[in-house]
N, C-alpha and C. Protein backbone atom coordinates (compact mmCIF):
# COMPACT_ATOMS: atom_id res chain seq x y z
N MET A 1 41.65 -30.46 -39.59
CA MET A 1 43.22 -29.84 -40.24
C MET A 1 42.39 -28.82 -41.37
N SER A 2 42.49 -27.23 -41.06
CA SER A 2 41.87 -26.45 -41.81
C SER A 2 42.74 -26.13 -42.71
N VAL A 3 42.12 -25.71 -43.97
CA VAL A 3 43.17 -25.16 -45.33
C VAL A 3 42.60 -23.15 -44.99
N ILE A 4 43.78 -23.07 -45.26
CA ILE A 4 43.35 -21.17 -45.49
C ILE A 4 43.74 -21.10 -47.30
N SER A 5 42.62 -20.43 -47.62
CA SER A 5 42.62 -20.22 -48.89
C SER A 5 43.39 -18.94 -49.07
N ARG A 6 43.91 -18.53 -50.52
CA ARG A 6 45.33 -17.57 -50.53
C ARG A 6 44.65 -16.31 -50.67
N ARG A 7 43.10 -16.04 -50.92
CA ARG A 7 42.21 -15.30 -50.70
C ARG A 7 42.78 -14.58 -48.74
N SER A 8 42.01 -15.69 -48.10
CA SER A 8 42.12 -15.14 -46.64
C SER A 8 43.60 -14.99 -46.44
N LEU A 9 44.62 -15.71 -47.03
CA LEU A 9 45.81 -15.67 -46.24
C LEU A 9 46.17 -13.86 -46.65
N LEU A 10 45.78 -13.41 -48.13
CA LEU A 10 45.98 -12.42 -48.15
C LEU A 10 45.37 -10.82 -47.98
N SER A 11 44.16 -11.48 -47.60
CA SER A 11 43.46 -10.58 -46.77
C SER A 11 44.17 -10.23 -45.48
N GLY A 12 44.31 -11.52 -44.96
CA GLY A 12 44.77 -11.05 -43.76
C GLY A 12 46.13 -10.72 -43.28
N LEU A 13 46.96 -10.56 -44.50
CA LEU A 13 48.30 -10.04 -44.25
C LEU A 13 48.26 -8.38 -44.44
N GLY A 14 47.01 -7.93 -44.92
CA GLY A 14 46.86 -6.85 -45.76
C GLY A 14 46.41 -6.26 -44.10
N VAL A 15 45.68 -6.74 -43.79
CA VAL A 15 45.07 -6.07 -42.07
C VAL A 15 46.04 -6.14 -41.39
N VAL A 16 47.17 -7.09 -41.42
CA VAL A 16 48.25 -6.88 -40.69
C VAL A 16 49.31 -5.85 -41.23
N ALA A 17 49.20 -5.45 -42.19
CA ALA A 17 50.23 -4.54 -43.13
C ALA A 17 49.66 -2.90 -42.86
N ALA A 18 48.51 -3.02 -42.43
CA ALA A 18 47.34 -1.47 -42.51
C ALA A 18 47.75 -1.36 -40.81
N SER A 19 47.91 -2.42 -40.16
CA SER A 19 48.30 -2.28 -38.38
C SER A 19 49.35 -1.58 -38.72
N GLY A 20 50.52 -1.54 -39.38
CA GLY A 20 51.74 -1.61 -39.05
C GLY A 20 52.43 -2.44 -38.48
N PHE A 21 52.19 -3.00 -38.36
CA PHE A 21 53.32 -4.43 -37.88
C PHE A 21 54.11 -5.43 -39.15
N LEU A 22 53.77 -4.69 -39.99
CA LEU A 22 54.72 -5.48 -41.42
C LEU A 22 54.91 -4.60 -41.87
N PRO A 23 56.46 -4.00 -42.69
CA PRO A 23 57.04 -3.05 -42.99
C PRO A 23 56.40 -2.82 -44.82
N VAL A 24 56.90 -1.63 -45.02
CA VAL A 24 56.29 -1.53 -46.48
C VAL A 24 57.07 -2.11 -47.19
N THR A 25 57.18 -2.72 -48.20
CA THR A 25 58.19 -3.01 -48.95
C THR A 25 58.18 -2.30 -50.39
N ALA A 26 59.25 -2.46 -51.34
CA ALA A 26 58.86 -2.37 -52.58
C ALA A 26 57.76 -2.91 -52.91
N ALA A 27 57.66 -4.24 -53.00
CA ALA A 27 56.62 -5.08 -54.02
C ALA A 27 55.84 -4.91 -53.05
N THR A 28 55.04 -3.80 -52.28
CA THR A 28 53.88 -3.48 -52.11
C THR A 28 53.22 -2.02 -52.38
N SER A 29 54.48 -1.91 -52.91
CA SER A 29 54.60 -0.67 -52.93
C SER A 29 54.00 0.17 -54.73
N LEU A 30 53.20 0.65 -55.00
CA LEU A 30 53.22 1.06 -56.71
C LEU A 30 53.65 2.28 -57.20
N LEU A 31 54.58 2.47 -57.63
CA LEU A 31 55.65 3.31 -58.21
C LEU A 31 54.94 3.95 -59.79
N ARG A 32 54.00 5.20 -59.27
CA ARG A 32 53.49 5.64 -60.77
C ARG A 32 54.20 6.79 -61.18
N VAL A 33 55.22 6.53 -62.52
CA VAL A 33 56.31 7.13 -63.40
C VAL A 33 55.72 7.88 -64.37
N SER A 34 55.66 9.62 -64.45
CA SER A 34 55.30 9.80 -65.81
C SER A 34 56.43 10.41 -66.64
N ARG A 35 56.67 9.99 -67.71
CA ARG A 35 57.68 10.23 -68.33
C ARG A 35 58.02 10.98 -69.96
N ASP A 36 58.81 11.48 -70.70
CA ASP A 36 58.70 11.97 -72.01
C ASP A 36 58.93 10.61 -72.58
N PRO A 37 58.34 10.26 -73.58
CA PRO A 37 58.10 9.19 -74.19
C PRO A 37 59.22 9.36 -75.14
N ASN A 38 60.07 10.12 -75.29
CA ASN A 38 61.30 10.31 -75.84
C ASN A 38 62.65 10.05 -75.32
N CYS A 39 62.27 9.46 -74.32
CA CYS A 39 63.62 9.66 -73.25
C CYS A 39 64.39 8.39 -72.79
N GLY A 40 65.05 7.83 -73.53
CA GLY A 40 65.47 6.27 -72.82
C GLY A 40 65.91 5.72 -71.38
N CYS A 41 67.26 7.02 -71.13
CA CYS A 41 67.03 6.92 -69.53
C CYS A 41 65.87 6.81 -68.73
N CYS A 42 64.89 7.07 -69.08
CA CYS A 42 63.82 6.88 -67.77
C CYS A 42 63.49 5.65 -67.70
N THR A 43 63.67 4.74 -69.77
CA THR A 43 63.35 3.54 -69.47
C THR A 43 63.98 2.95 -68.27
N ALA A 44 65.57 3.52 -68.30
CA ALA A 44 66.61 2.98 -67.79
C ALA A 44 66.31 2.92 -66.60
N TRP A 45 65.78 3.96 -66.08
CA TRP A 45 65.82 3.96 -64.61
C TRP A 45 64.73 3.10 -64.03
N ILE A 46 63.30 3.06 -64.45
CA ILE A 46 62.38 2.48 -64.73
C ILE A 46 62.62 0.41 -64.51
N GLU A 47 63.53 0.34 -65.24
CA GLU A 47 63.76 -1.06 -65.11
C GLU A 47 65.16 -1.11 -63.86
N HIS A 48 65.56 -0.26 -63.44
CA HIS A 48 66.32 -0.25 -62.08
C HIS A 48 65.28 -0.49 -60.91
N VAL A 49 64.47 0.37 -60.90
CA VAL A 49 63.15 0.51 -59.93
C VAL A 49 62.40 -0.88 -59.69
N ARG A 50 62.04 -1.23 -60.88
CA ARG A 50 61.44 -2.89 -61.24
C ARG A 50 62.42 -4.20 -60.68
N ALA A 51 63.70 -4.11 -61.01
CA ALA A 51 64.55 -5.01 -60.76
C ALA A 51 64.67 -5.23 -59.07
N ALA A 52 64.88 -3.86 -58.41
CA ALA A 52 64.53 -3.42 -56.76
C ALA A 52 63.23 -3.38 -56.55
N GLY A 53 62.27 -4.22 -57.00
CA GLY A 53 61.48 -4.96 -56.56
C GLY A 53 60.28 -4.26 -56.60
N PHE A 54 59.84 -2.84 -57.20
CA PHE A 54 59.17 -1.59 -57.63
C PHE A 54 57.69 -2.18 -58.63
N THR A 55 56.68 -2.11 -58.46
CA THR A 55 55.65 -2.45 -59.44
C THR A 55 55.59 -0.77 -60.20
N THR A 56 55.54 -1.33 -61.02
CA THR A 56 55.29 0.38 -61.78
C THR A 56 54.06 0.46 -63.14
N GLU A 57 53.77 1.23 -62.53
CA GLU A 57 52.41 2.18 -63.76
C GLU A 57 53.44 3.18 -64.53
N VAL A 58 53.45 3.23 -66.08
CA VAL A 58 54.25 4.05 -66.49
C VAL A 58 53.21 5.28 -67.62
N HIS A 59 53.45 6.38 -67.14
CA HIS A 59 52.68 7.10 -67.90
C HIS A 59 53.11 8.18 -68.85
N GLU A 60 53.22 8.15 -70.28
CA GLU A 60 54.32 9.01 -71.07
C GLU A 60 53.32 10.30 -71.54
N LEU A 61 53.63 11.76 -71.19
CA LEU A 61 53.10 12.71 -71.33
C LEU A 61 54.91 13.68 -71.95
N ALA A 62 53.96 14.49 -72.67
CA ALA A 62 54.93 15.06 -73.89
C ALA A 62 55.57 16.70 -72.76
N ASP A 63 54.41 16.48 -72.12
CA ASP A 63 54.87 17.66 -71.06
C ASP A 63 54.61 17.56 -69.87
N LEU A 64 56.17 17.64 -68.94
CA LEU A 64 55.99 17.24 -67.54
C LEU A 64 56.03 18.73 -66.74
N SER A 65 55.61 19.56 -67.44
CA SER A 65 55.70 20.76 -66.48
C SER A 65 54.60 21.05 -65.39
N THR A 66 53.41 20.78 -65.90
CA THR A 66 52.19 20.98 -64.97
C THR A 66 51.95 20.33 -64.13
N LEU A 67 52.08 18.85 -63.97
CA LEU A 67 52.55 17.73 -63.25
C LEU A 67 53.70 18.16 -62.17
N LYS A 68 54.41 18.41 -62.54
CA LYS A 68 55.96 19.20 -61.79
C LYS A 68 55.19 20.13 -60.82
N THR A 69 54.38 21.26 -61.32
CA THR A 69 54.26 22.56 -60.91
C THR A 69 52.82 21.94 -59.56
N ARG A 70 52.06 21.47 -59.91
CA ARG A 70 51.13 20.58 -59.17
C ARG A 70 51.44 20.03 -58.39
N LEU A 71 52.88 19.13 -57.95
CA LEU A 71 53.54 18.21 -56.85
C LEU A 71 54.55 19.11 -56.33
N SER A 72 54.63 20.61 -56.69
CA SER A 72 55.24 21.34 -55.80
C SER A 72 57.03 21.29 -55.92
N ILE A 73 57.16 20.71 -56.88
CA ILE A 73 58.75 20.31 -56.97
C ILE A 73 59.27 21.56 -57.56
N PRO A 74 60.60 22.26 -56.83
CA PRO A 74 60.95 23.11 -56.82
C PRO A 74 61.85 23.10 -58.42
N ALA A 75 61.71 24.42 -58.80
CA ALA A 75 62.56 24.09 -60.43
C ALA A 75 63.84 23.64 -60.32
N ALA A 76 64.62 24.36 -59.41
CA ALA A 76 66.16 24.05 -58.88
C ALA A 76 66.06 22.41 -59.18
N LEU A 77 65.33 21.62 -58.75
CA LEU A 77 65.53 20.15 -58.69
C LEU A 77 64.84 19.36 -59.94
N TYR A 78 63.99 19.96 -60.63
CA TYR A 78 63.84 19.56 -62.14
C TYR A 78 64.85 17.99 -62.82
N SER A 79 64.24 17.22 -63.07
CA SER A 79 65.06 16.13 -63.94
C SER A 79 63.87 15.85 -64.84
N CYS A 80 64.38 14.43 -65.76
CA CYS A 80 63.66 14.27 -67.15
C CYS A 80 62.41 13.67 -66.33
N HIS A 81 62.10 12.74 -65.55
CA HIS A 81 60.51 12.05 -65.21
C HIS A 81 60.60 12.05 -63.57
N THR A 82 59.13 11.74 -63.15
CA THR A 82 58.99 12.32 -62.18
C THR A 82 57.73 11.06 -61.75
N ALA A 83 58.03 10.43 -60.40
CA ALA A 83 57.26 9.50 -59.85
C ALA A 83 56.71 9.76 -58.43
N GLU A 84 55.67 9.10 -58.45
CA GLU A 84 54.61 9.23 -56.95
C GLU A 84 54.31 7.75 -55.92
N ILE A 85 55.00 7.78 -54.96
CA ILE A 85 54.62 6.33 -54.30
C ILE A 85 54.57 6.79 -52.90
N GLU A 86 53.03 6.00 -52.31
CA GLU A 86 52.90 6.20 -51.03
C GLU A 86 52.34 7.67 -50.72
N GLY A 87 52.38 8.64 -51.40
CA GLY A 87 52.44 10.16 -50.77
C GLY A 87 53.21 10.84 -50.88
N TYR A 88 54.28 10.10 -51.85
CA TYR A 88 55.92 11.20 -51.93
C TYR A 88 56.20 11.55 -53.31
N VAL A 89 56.67 12.03 -53.45
CA VAL A 89 56.75 12.01 -54.80
C VAL A 89 58.48 11.96 -55.32
N ILE A 90 58.66 10.92 -56.16
CA ILE A 90 60.44 11.12 -56.52
C ILE A 90 60.37 11.73 -57.96
N GLU A 91 61.73 12.73 -58.12
CA GLU A 91 62.03 13.33 -59.15
C GLU A 91 63.25 13.04 -59.72
N GLY A 92 63.42 12.36 -60.82
CA GLY A 92 64.82 12.00 -61.67
C GLY A 92 65.08 10.97 -61.16
N HIS A 93 66.32 10.30 -61.48
CA HIS A 93 67.53 9.19 -60.97
C HIS A 93 67.54 8.77 -59.97
N VAL A 94 67.02 9.39 -58.63
CA VAL A 94 66.90 8.23 -57.50
C VAL A 94 66.86 6.95 -57.34
N PRO A 95 68.17 6.22 -56.57
CA PRO A 95 68.48 5.10 -56.86
C PRO A 95 67.30 4.27 -55.59
N ALA A 96 66.53 3.41 -56.17
CA ALA A 96 65.95 2.31 -55.84
C ALA A 96 66.03 2.43 -54.03
N SER A 97 67.59 2.56 -53.25
CA SER A 97 67.63 2.12 -51.82
C SER A 97 67.08 3.61 -51.25
N ALA A 98 67.43 4.85 -52.16
CA ALA A 98 66.75 5.93 -51.32
C ALA A 98 65.36 5.86 -51.11
N ILE A 99 64.67 5.20 -51.98
CA ILE A 99 63.31 5.24 -52.08
C ILE A 99 62.65 4.18 -51.03
N GLN A 100 63.54 3.13 -51.19
CA GLN A 100 62.92 2.22 -49.96
C GLN A 100 63.69 2.85 -48.78
N ARG A 101 64.47 3.67 -48.13
CA ARG A 101 64.91 4.33 -47.20
C ARG A 101 63.27 5.36 -46.54
N LEU A 102 63.24 6.00 -47.83
CA LEU A 102 62.20 6.99 -47.31
C LEU A 102 60.57 6.28 -47.01
N LEU A 103 60.53 5.08 -47.58
CA LEU A 103 59.24 4.35 -47.51
C LEU A 103 59.60 3.88 -45.37
N THR A 104 60.62 3.49 -45.03
CA THR A 104 60.51 3.00 -44.32
C THR A 104 60.67 3.97 -42.72
N GLU A 105 61.23 5.42 -43.30
CA GLU A 105 61.63 6.37 -42.26
C GLU A 105 60.82 7.48 -42.41
N ARG A 106 59.30 7.63 -43.50
CA ARG A 106 58.48 8.38 -43.64
C ARG A 106 58.89 9.92 -43.15
N PRO A 107 59.82 10.54 -43.33
CA PRO A 107 60.10 12.09 -42.92
C PRO A 107 58.83 12.57 -43.32
N SER A 108 58.80 13.97 -43.01
CA SER A 108 57.56 14.68 -43.16
C SER A 108 58.61 15.76 -44.39
N ALA A 109 57.76 15.39 -45.42
CA ALA A 109 58.56 15.90 -47.18
C ALA A 109 57.77 15.43 -48.16
N ILE A 110 57.63 16.30 -49.19
CA ILE A 110 57.25 16.02 -49.95
C ILE A 110 57.78 14.94 -51.40
N GLY A 111 58.87 14.83 -51.11
CA GLY A 111 59.57 13.31 -51.78
C GLY A 111 61.43 13.64 -51.49
N LEU A 112 61.81 12.77 -52.79
CA LEU A 112 63.26 12.79 -52.71
C LEU A 112 63.71 13.73 -54.48
N ALA A 113 64.75 14.00 -54.60
CA ALA A 113 65.39 14.54 -55.87
C ALA A 113 66.31 14.33 -56.15
N VAL A 114 66.94 14.16 -57.29
CA VAL A 114 68.14 13.88 -58.30
C VAL A 114 67.89 14.81 -58.93
N PRO A 115 68.61 15.65 -59.00
CA PRO A 115 68.38 17.06 -59.98
C PRO A 115 69.21 16.73 -60.99
N GLY A 116 68.66 17.24 -62.30
CA GLY A 116 69.64 16.74 -63.87
C GLY A 116 69.72 15.14 -63.86
N MET A 117 71.07 15.05 -64.17
CA MET A 117 71.02 13.90 -64.88
C MET A 117 72.60 13.49 -64.42
N PRO A 118 72.78 13.03 -63.34
CA PRO A 118 74.23 12.77 -62.80
C PRO A 118 74.70 11.21 -63.89
N ILE A 119 76.16 11.48 -64.43
CA ILE A 119 76.59 10.12 -65.21
C ILE A 119 76.48 9.12 -63.67
N GLY A 120 75.88 8.09 -63.88
CA GLY A 120 76.36 7.11 -63.08
C GLY A 120 75.17 6.53 -62.16
N SER A 121 74.44 7.57 -62.29
CA SER A 121 72.97 7.62 -61.27
C SER A 121 72.16 6.69 -62.74
N PRO A 122 70.98 5.89 -61.55
CA PRO A 122 70.22 4.58 -62.25
C PRO A 122 70.24 5.43 -63.36
N GLY A 123 70.25 4.63 -64.33
CA GLY A 123 69.34 4.88 -65.71
C GLY A 123 70.38 6.17 -66.52
N MET A 124 71.54 6.59 -65.94
CA MET A 124 72.12 7.68 -66.37
C MET A 124 74.03 6.38 -66.72
N GLU A 125 73.83 5.50 -66.29
CA GLU A 125 75.42 4.60 -66.56
C GLU A 125 75.57 4.84 -68.38
N VAL A 126 76.93 5.13 -68.05
CA VAL A 126 77.69 5.23 -69.33
C VAL A 126 78.57 4.57 -69.47
N SER A 127 78.67 3.49 -69.92
CA SER A 127 80.17 2.49 -70.50
C SER A 127 81.28 3.46 -70.48
N GLY A 128 82.28 3.11 -69.82
CA GLY A 128 83.68 3.88 -69.99
C GLY A 128 83.85 5.49 -69.26
N ALA A 129 82.60 5.69 -68.62
CA ALA A 129 82.73 7.04 -68.17
C ALA A 129 82.30 6.46 -66.46
N GLN A 130 83.42 7.60 -66.14
CA GLN A 130 83.39 7.59 -64.27
C GLN A 130 82.45 7.81 -63.87
N ALA A 131 81.56 7.27 -62.43
CA ALA A 131 80.33 7.75 -61.79
C ALA A 131 80.96 8.94 -61.38
N GLU A 132 79.79 9.96 -61.37
CA GLU A 132 79.23 11.11 -60.64
C GLU A 132 79.41 11.14 -59.41
N THR A 133 79.74 11.68 -58.42
CA THR A 133 78.78 11.87 -56.93
C THR A 133 77.92 12.87 -57.09
N TYR A 134 76.76 12.65 -56.67
CA TYR A 134 75.87 13.31 -56.53
C TYR A 134 74.94 13.19 -55.21
N ASP A 135 74.25 13.97 -54.95
CA ASP A 135 73.29 14.12 -53.58
C ASP A 135 71.79 13.52 -53.92
N VAL A 136 70.97 13.04 -53.79
CA VAL A 136 69.49 12.41 -53.15
C VAL A 136 69.03 13.87 -51.95
N ILE A 137 68.04 14.38 -52.76
CA ILE A 137 67.74 15.85 -51.94
C ILE A 137 66.36 15.20 -51.29
N LEU A 138 66.61 15.63 -50.19
CA LEU A 138 64.64 15.82 -49.52
C LEU A 138 64.05 16.87 -49.39
N PHE A 139 62.86 17.08 -50.15
CA PHE A 139 62.35 18.62 -50.35
C PHE A 139 61.08 18.66 -49.70
N ASP A 140 60.72 19.80 -49.19
CA ASP A 140 59.51 19.96 -48.76
C ASP A 140 58.78 21.71 -49.96
N ARG A 141 58.01 22.02 -49.46
CA ARG A 141 57.50 23.09 -50.40
C ARG A 141 58.42 24.44 -49.85
N SER A 142 59.31 24.34 -48.59
CA SER A 142 59.87 25.90 -48.18
C SER A 142 61.34 25.13 -48.38
N ALA A 143 62.12 24.05 -48.46
CA ALA A 143 63.28 23.87 -48.11
C ALA A 143 63.64 22.37 -48.58
N TYR A 144 65.32 22.41 -48.99
CA TYR A 144 65.74 20.73 -49.20
C TYR A 144 66.74 20.75 -48.57
N LYS A 145 67.51 19.76 -48.00
CA LYS A 145 68.56 19.52 -47.84
C LYS A 145 69.12 17.65 -48.04
N THR A 146 70.28 17.78 -48.00
CA THR A 146 70.63 16.39 -48.53
C THR A 146 70.11 15.03 -47.91
N TYR A 147 69.46 14.16 -48.30
CA TYR A 147 69.06 13.01 -47.68
C TYR A 147 70.33 12.05 -47.61
N ALA A 148 71.15 11.84 -48.75
CA ALA A 148 71.99 10.95 -48.84
C ALA A 148 72.95 11.17 -50.29
N ARG A 149 74.10 10.96 -49.86
CA ARG A 149 74.82 11.47 -51.22
C ARG A 149 75.75 9.66 -51.61
N TYR A 150 75.78 10.12 -53.26
CA TYR A 150 75.45 8.69 -53.55
C TYR A 150 77.23 9.18 -54.63
N LYS A 151 77.78 7.39 -55.35
CA LYS A 151 78.75 8.11 -56.19
C LYS A 151 77.94 6.41 -57.04
N GLY A 152 77.55 6.73 -58.30
CA GLY A 152 77.12 6.01 -59.32
C GLY A 152 76.00 5.33 -58.46
N GLY A 153 75.67 4.01 -58.44
CA GLY A 153 74.73 3.38 -57.69
C GLY A 153 74.98 3.11 -56.22
N GLU A 154 76.32 3.69 -55.52
CA GLU A 154 76.25 2.97 -54.49
C GLU A 154 76.51 4.24 -53.51
N GLU A 155 75.49 4.28 -52.34
CA GLU A 155 75.60 5.12 -51.04
C GLU A 155 77.14 5.50 -50.35
N ILE A 156 77.25 6.65 -50.69
CA ILE A 156 78.50 6.67 -49.59
C ILE A 156 78.31 7.39 -48.25
N SER A 157 77.13 7.92 -48.17
CA SER A 157 76.63 8.78 -46.96
C SER A 157 75.49 8.87 -46.68
N SER A 158 74.95 8.91 -45.95
CA SER A 158 73.54 9.36 -45.81
C SER A 158 73.21 10.51 -44.60
N ARG A 159 72.21 11.09 -44.78
CA ARG A 159 71.74 12.16 -43.41
C ARG A 159 70.28 13.03 -42.97
N LEU A 160 70.37 13.12 -42.10
CA LEU A 160 68.67 13.18 -41.71
C LEU A 160 68.96 13.27 -40.50
């Protein structure tokens, strides 16, 4: 009887995942978040994506505009924090379920955005306030379109 070491098992799973036979999940993806150190809703959004299984690396920046420009985020889609994961950009209060769908479908795009700070979106929950309906936008350098529509944290329709 042979015993497989943890290192051998993890190494083998890495080879299988790289070959495309295992789906990418939040647990295998590092979400690099850049945020203003004075923004509390960013902290709440980070807690939301961590609760969904994402591993996060947080960087605090006093000025995010240079990063947003470098990542080709249209100014109309700006929000209070910017994240990067597996070659995609996540701008603002994008629900974890939309990020997971993005990583599964892998559309040709720069990333997803929730412009502004809609009440009820992940990290923007306000006690006693009714959640707003908002769009998660799929964008690239020349265009953007609705990827999904949410009310609070619940998806109410998807497109693509």
